[in-house]
N, C-alpha and C. Protein backbone atom coordinates (compact mmCIF):
# COMPACT_ATOMS: atom_id res chain seq x y z
N MET A 1 113.44 92.39 95.62
CA MET A 1 112.88 91.30 94.86
C MET A 1 111.81 91.83 93.91
N LYS A 2 111.79 91.28 92.73
CA LYS A 2 110.76 91.63 91.76
C LYS A 2 110.06 90.35 91.35
N LYS A 3 108.81 90.24 91.79
CA LYS A 3 108.09 88.99 91.55
C LYS A 3 106.62 89.27 91.34
N ILE A 4 106.00 88.46 90.48
CA ILE A 4 104.56 88.57 90.27
C ILE A 4 103.95 87.18 90.41
N TYR A 5 103.04 87.07 91.36
CA TYR A 5 102.26 85.84 91.54
C TYR A 5 101.00 86.01 90.71
N HIS A 6 100.76 85.06 89.82
CA HIS A 6 99.62 85.19 88.92
C HIS A 6 99.08 83.80 88.60
N LEU A 7 98.01 83.78 87.82
CA LEU A 7 97.41 82.54 87.36
C LEU A 7 97.41 82.60 85.84
N SER A 8 98.14 81.69 85.20
CA SER A 8 98.31 81.76 83.74
C SER A 8 97.01 81.53 82.98
N THR A 9 96.03 80.90 83.61
CA THR A 9 94.75 80.64 82.94
C THR A 9 93.74 81.77 83.15
N CYS A 10 94.13 82.79 83.90
CA CYS A 10 93.22 83.89 84.23
C CYS A 10 93.38 85.01 83.20
N ASP A 11 92.30 85.32 82.50
CA ASP A 11 92.35 86.37 81.48
C ASP A 11 92.70 87.73 82.07
N THR A 12 92.21 88.01 83.27
CA THR A 12 92.51 89.28 83.92
C THR A 12 94.01 89.38 84.22
N CYS A 13 94.60 88.29 84.73
CA CYS A 13 96.04 88.29 85.01
C CYS A 13 96.83 88.49 83.71
N LYS A 14 96.40 87.81 82.65
CA LYS A 14 97.08 87.95 81.35
C LYS A 14 97.03 89.40 80.87
N ARG A 15 95.87 90.01 80.98
CA ARG A 15 95.70 91.40 80.55
C ARG A 15 96.61 92.33 81.35
N ILE A 16 96.64 92.13 82.66
CA ILE A 16 97.46 92.99 83.52
C ILE A 16 98.95 92.79 83.24
N LEU A 17 99.38 91.54 83.04
CA LEU A 17 100.78 91.29 82.71
C LEU A 17 101.15 91.97 81.40
N ASN A 18 100.24 91.92 80.43
CA ASN A 18 100.48 92.61 79.16
C ASN A 18 100.62 94.11 79.37
N GLU A 19 99.74 94.64 80.21
CA GLU A 19 99.73 96.07 80.48
C GLU A 19 101.00 96.51 81.22
N LEU A 20 101.42 95.70 82.20
CA LEU A 20 102.60 96.04 83.00
C LEU A 20 103.89 95.83 82.20
N ASN A 21 103.88 94.80 81.35
CA ASN A 21 105.05 94.46 80.55
C ASN A 21 106.30 94.43 81.43
N PRO A 22 106.32 93.55 82.46
CA PRO A 22 107.45 93.54 83.39
C PRO A 22 108.75 93.13 82.68
N SER A 23 109.85 93.71 83.11
CA SER A 23 111.15 93.40 82.52
C SER A 23 111.57 91.99 82.87
N SER A 24 112.63 91.54 82.23
CA SER A 24 113.08 90.15 82.41
C SER A 24 113.63 89.88 83.81
N ASP A 25 113.88 90.93 84.60
CA ASP A 25 114.36 90.67 85.96
C ASP A 25 113.23 90.38 86.94
N PHE A 26 111.99 90.35 86.45
CA PHE A 26 110.86 89.93 87.27
C PHE A 26 110.72 88.42 87.20
N VAL A 27 110.44 87.81 88.33
CA VAL A 27 110.13 86.38 88.37
C VAL A 27 108.62 86.25 88.34
N LEU A 28 108.11 85.47 87.38
CA LEU A 28 106.67 85.23 87.29
C LEU A 28 106.39 83.84 87.86
N GLN A 29 105.51 83.77 88.83
CA GLN A 29 105.15 82.47 89.42
C GLN A 29 103.68 82.20 89.17
N ASP A 30 103.42 81.16 88.37
CA ASP A 30 102.05 80.71 88.13
C ASP A 30 101.64 79.89 89.35
N ILE A 31 100.72 80.43 90.14
CA ILE A 31 100.39 79.81 91.44
C ILE A 31 99.64 78.49 91.31
N LYS A 32 99.16 78.18 90.11
CA LYS A 32 98.52 76.88 89.91
C LYS A 32 99.60 75.82 89.65
N ALA A 33 100.60 76.17 88.87
CA ALA A 33 101.68 75.24 88.53
C ALA A 33 102.69 75.10 89.67
N GLU A 34 102.92 76.19 90.39
CA GLU A 34 103.88 76.19 91.50
C GLU A 34 103.21 76.81 92.72
N ALA A 35 102.81 75.93 93.63
CA ALA A 35 102.05 76.36 94.81
C ALA A 35 102.83 77.39 95.64
N ILE A 36 102.08 78.24 96.31
CA ILE A 36 102.67 79.25 97.18
C ILE A 36 103.22 78.53 98.42
N LYS A 37 104.46 78.83 98.73
CA LYS A 37 105.09 78.23 99.90
C LYS A 37 104.82 79.11 101.12
N PRO A 38 104.81 78.50 102.30
CA PRO A 38 104.54 79.29 103.52
C PRO A 38 105.46 80.51 103.66
N ASP A 39 106.75 80.37 103.33
CA ASP A 39 107.65 81.52 103.48
C ASP A 39 107.33 82.62 102.47
N GLN A 40 106.84 82.25 101.29
CA GLN A 40 106.44 83.25 100.30
C GLN A 40 105.22 84.02 100.81
N LEU A 41 104.28 83.29 101.39
CA LEU A 41 103.08 83.91 101.93
C LEU A 41 103.44 84.84 103.10
N GLU A 42 104.40 84.42 103.92
CA GLU A 42 104.85 85.25 105.04
C GLU A 42 105.44 86.56 104.53
N GLU A 43 106.22 86.47 103.45
CA GLU A 43 106.82 87.68 102.88
C GLU A 43 105.72 88.62 102.37
N MET A 44 104.72 88.06 101.68
CA MET A 44 103.61 88.88 101.19
C MET A 44 102.88 89.53 102.36
N LYS A 45 102.63 88.74 103.40
CA LYS A 45 101.89 89.25 104.57
C LYS A 45 102.66 90.36 105.27
N SER A 46 103.99 90.22 105.35
CA SER A 46 104.77 91.25 106.04
C SER A 46 104.68 92.59 105.29
N LEU A 47 104.56 92.54 103.96
CA LEU A 47 104.42 93.77 103.18
C LEU A 47 102.98 94.27 103.16
N ALA A 48 102.02 93.34 103.15
CA ALA A 48 100.61 93.71 103.04
C ALA A 48 99.98 94.08 104.38
N GLY A 49 100.52 93.54 105.47
CA GLY A 49 99.99 93.85 106.79
C GLY A 49 99.05 92.81 107.35
N SER A 50 98.41 92.02 106.47
CA SER A 50 97.51 90.97 106.96
C SER A 50 97.29 89.92 105.88
N TYR A 51 96.87 88.75 106.31
CA TYR A 51 96.50 87.70 105.34
C TYR A 51 95.18 88.05 104.68
N GLU A 52 94.31 88.71 105.43
CA GLU A 52 93.00 89.06 104.88
C GLU A 52 93.14 89.94 103.64
N SER A 53 94.11 90.84 103.65
CA SER A 53 94.28 91.73 102.49
C SER A 53 94.76 90.97 101.25
N LEU A 54 95.29 89.76 101.44
CA LEU A 54 95.74 88.92 100.33
C LEU A 54 94.67 87.93 99.88
N PHE A 55 93.58 87.89 100.62
CA PHE A 55 92.55 86.86 100.43
C PHE A 55 91.47 87.33 99.45
N SER A 56 91.12 86.46 98.53
CA SER A 56 90.08 86.78 97.56
C SER A 56 88.72 86.26 98.02
N LYS A 57 87.82 87.19 98.27
CA LYS A 57 86.47 86.81 98.65
C LYS A 57 85.61 86.58 97.40
N ARG A 58 86.22 86.67 96.23
CA ARG A 58 85.51 86.42 94.98
C ARG A 58 85.75 85.00 94.48
N ALA A 59 86.58 84.24 95.19
CA ALA A 59 86.89 82.87 94.78
C ALA A 59 85.63 82.00 94.81
N ARG A 60 85.53 81.12 93.83
CA ARG A 60 84.37 80.22 93.74
C ARG A 60 84.23 79.39 95.02
N LEU A 61 85.36 78.91 95.55
CA LEU A 61 85.32 78.09 96.77
C LEU A 61 84.83 78.87 97.98
N TYR A 62 85.06 80.17 97.98
CA TYR A 62 84.59 81.02 99.09
C TYR A 62 83.07 80.94 99.17
N LYS A 63 82.43 81.00 97.99
CA LYS A 63 80.97 80.92 97.94
C LYS A 63 80.49 79.49 98.22
N GLU A 64 81.16 78.51 97.59
CA GLU A 64 80.75 77.11 97.75
C GLU A 64 80.82 76.65 99.19
N ARG A 65 81.84 77.09 99.91
CA ARG A 65 82.00 76.68 101.31
C ARG A 65 81.25 77.59 102.28
N ASP A 66 80.53 78.56 101.73
CA ASP A 66 79.76 79.50 102.54
C ASP A 66 80.61 80.17 103.62
N LEU A 67 81.82 80.57 103.23
CA LEU A 67 82.75 81.16 104.18
C LEU A 67 82.34 82.56 104.63
N LYS A 68 81.50 83.23 103.85
CA LYS A 68 81.10 84.59 104.25
C LYS A 68 80.27 84.57 105.52
N ASN A 69 79.69 83.42 105.84
CA ASN A 69 78.89 83.31 107.06
C ASN A 69 79.68 82.75 108.23
N ARG A 70 81.01 82.69 108.08
CA ARG A 70 81.87 82.25 109.18
C ARG A 70 82.73 83.43 109.61
N ASN A 71 83.07 83.45 110.86
CA ASN A 71 83.98 84.50 111.36
C ASN A 71 85.41 84.02 111.17
N LEU A 72 86.02 84.43 110.06
CA LEU A 72 87.37 84.01 109.76
C LEU A 72 88.38 84.90 110.48
N ILE A 73 89.43 84.26 110.98
CA ILE A 73 90.52 85.01 111.62
C ILE A 73 91.75 84.90 110.73
N GLU A 74 92.82 85.62 111.07
CA GLU A 74 94.02 85.65 110.24
C GLU A 74 94.55 84.25 109.91
N ASP A 75 94.57 83.35 110.90
CA ASP A 75 95.06 81.98 110.64
C ASP A 75 94.20 81.27 109.61
N ASP A 76 92.89 81.53 109.63
CA ASP A 76 92.00 80.92 108.63
C ASP A 76 92.37 81.40 107.22
N TYR A 77 92.57 82.71 107.09
CA TYR A 77 92.94 83.26 105.78
C TYR A 77 94.25 82.65 105.30
N LYS A 78 95.22 82.58 106.20
CA LYS A 78 96.53 82.01 105.87
C LYS A 78 96.38 80.57 105.39
N ASN A 79 95.69 79.76 106.17
CA ASN A 79 95.54 78.34 105.84
C ASN A 79 94.76 78.12 104.55
N LEU A 80 93.75 78.93 104.33
CA LEU A 80 92.96 78.80 103.10
C LEU A 80 93.79 79.16 101.86
N ILE A 81 94.59 80.21 101.96
CA ILE A 81 95.45 80.59 100.83
C ILE A 81 96.46 79.48 100.54
N LEU A 82 97.04 78.90 101.59
CA LEU A 82 98.01 77.83 101.39
C LEU A 82 97.34 76.55 100.88
N GLU A 83 96.09 76.36 101.26
CA GLU A 83 95.35 75.15 100.85
C GLU A 83 94.99 75.18 99.37
N HIS A 84 94.54 76.34 98.87
CA HIS A 84 94.09 76.40 97.48
C HIS A 84 94.44 77.75 96.86
N TYR A 85 95.09 77.69 95.72
CA TYR A 85 95.60 78.90 95.06
C TYR A 85 94.52 79.93 94.73
N THR A 86 93.28 79.51 94.53
CA THR A 86 92.25 80.48 94.13
C THR A 86 91.91 81.46 95.25
N PHE A 87 92.33 81.16 96.48
CA PHE A 87 92.05 82.07 97.58
C PHE A 87 93.00 83.28 97.61
N LEU A 88 94.07 83.25 96.80
CA LEU A 88 94.97 84.41 96.75
C LEU A 88 94.39 85.44 95.79
N LYS A 89 94.24 86.66 96.28
CA LYS A 89 93.79 87.76 95.42
C LYS A 89 94.92 87.99 94.42
N ARG A 90 94.58 88.02 93.13
CA ARG A 90 95.67 88.10 92.15
C ARG A 90 95.41 89.15 91.09
N PRO A 91 96.51 89.54 90.47
CA PRO A 91 97.90 89.16 90.76
C PRO A 91 98.44 89.89 92.00
N VAL A 92 99.53 89.32 92.53
CA VAL A 92 100.25 89.98 93.61
C VAL A 92 101.62 90.35 93.04
N MET A 93 101.92 91.63 93.06
CA MET A 93 103.17 92.12 92.48
C MET A 93 104.07 92.65 93.59
N LEU A 94 105.27 92.09 93.66
CA LEU A 94 106.26 92.54 94.64
C LEU A 94 107.35 93.31 93.90
N LEU A 95 107.64 94.49 94.38
CA LEU A 95 108.71 95.30 93.81
C LEU A 95 109.51 95.85 94.98
N ASP A 96 110.62 95.17 95.25
CA ASP A 96 111.46 95.50 96.40
C ASP A 96 110.62 95.48 97.67
N ASP A 97 110.39 96.64 98.31
CA ASP A 97 109.63 96.64 99.57
C ASP A 97 108.19 97.10 99.37
N GLN A 98 107.72 97.07 98.12
CA GLN A 98 106.34 97.46 97.83
C GLN A 98 105.54 96.22 97.39
N ILE A 99 104.25 96.24 97.70
CA ILE A 99 103.38 95.15 97.26
C ILE A 99 102.12 95.77 96.65
N PHE A 100 101.68 95.15 95.57
CA PHE A 100 100.46 95.58 94.88
C PHE A 100 99.58 94.34 94.76
N ILE A 101 98.37 94.43 95.30
CA ILE A 101 97.51 93.25 95.40
C ILE A 101 96.22 93.47 94.63
N GLY A 102 95.94 92.55 93.72
CA GLY A 102 94.64 92.57 93.06
C GLY A 102 94.66 93.24 91.70
N ASN A 103 93.45 93.40 91.15
CA ASN A 103 93.34 93.85 89.77
C ASN A 103 92.53 95.13 89.59
N SER A 104 92.36 95.90 90.67
CA SER A 104 91.62 97.16 90.51
C SER A 104 92.47 98.12 89.67
N LYS A 105 91.79 99.01 88.97
CA LYS A 105 92.49 99.99 88.12
C LYS A 105 93.54 100.76 88.91
N LYS A 106 93.17 101.16 90.11
CA LYS A 106 94.04 101.96 90.97
C LYS A 106 95.33 101.19 91.31
N VAL A 107 95.18 99.92 91.67
CA VAL A 107 96.33 99.08 92.03
C VAL A 107 97.23 98.86 90.81
N VAL A 108 96.61 98.55 89.68
CA VAL A 108 97.38 98.29 88.45
C VAL A 108 98.14 99.55 88.03
N GLU A 109 97.50 100.70 88.11
CA GLU A 109 98.17 101.97 87.75
C GLU A 109 99.34 102.24 88.68
N ALA A 110 99.14 102.01 89.98
CA ALA A 110 100.22 102.23 90.95
C ALA A 110 101.39 101.29 90.68
N ALA A 111 101.08 100.04 90.35
CA ALA A 111 102.13 99.05 90.03
C ALA A 111 102.87 99.46 88.77
N LYS A 112 102.12 99.91 87.77
CA LYS A 112 102.71 100.33 86.50
C LYS A 112 103.67 101.50 86.73
N THR A 113 103.24 102.46 87.53
CA THR A 113 104.08 103.62 87.85
C THR A 113 105.36 103.17 88.57
N ALA A 114 105.22 102.27 89.55
CA ALA A 114 106.37 101.80 90.31
C ALA A 114 107.35 101.00 89.43
N ILE A 115 106.80 100.19 88.54
CA ILE A 115 107.64 99.35 87.68
C ILE A 115 108.37 100.19 86.63
N ASN A 116 107.68 101.13 86.08
CA ASN A 116 108.27 101.94 85.00
C ASN A 116 108.99 103.19 85.48
N GLY A 117 108.98 103.38 86.79
CA GLY A 117 109.73 104.50 87.35
C GLY A 117 109.09 105.77 87.26
């Protein structure tokens, strides 16, 4: 499967998509327009190893809800991501059995290498 979960209103996601220039066989899912389904999140988690690795601690709601002062467990991360799209660290790029999470230079470079062969 070739899929990229992103946010169309996010400038960082737009920049990364431009940089990656994914081919037409990639499915792009705008997570604001089309919510993440539980089975999609399960697939991401199986590749990533945990829900926490998919969770964005930079989300505005994370600060507003003072979640950093709570002891969150895997189920909390899962439920929060399903509850609100901003909790997903983005973009998330799936390429067959590989997953690339987030927007760090290192992750984007690794994704670019994997996509372009």
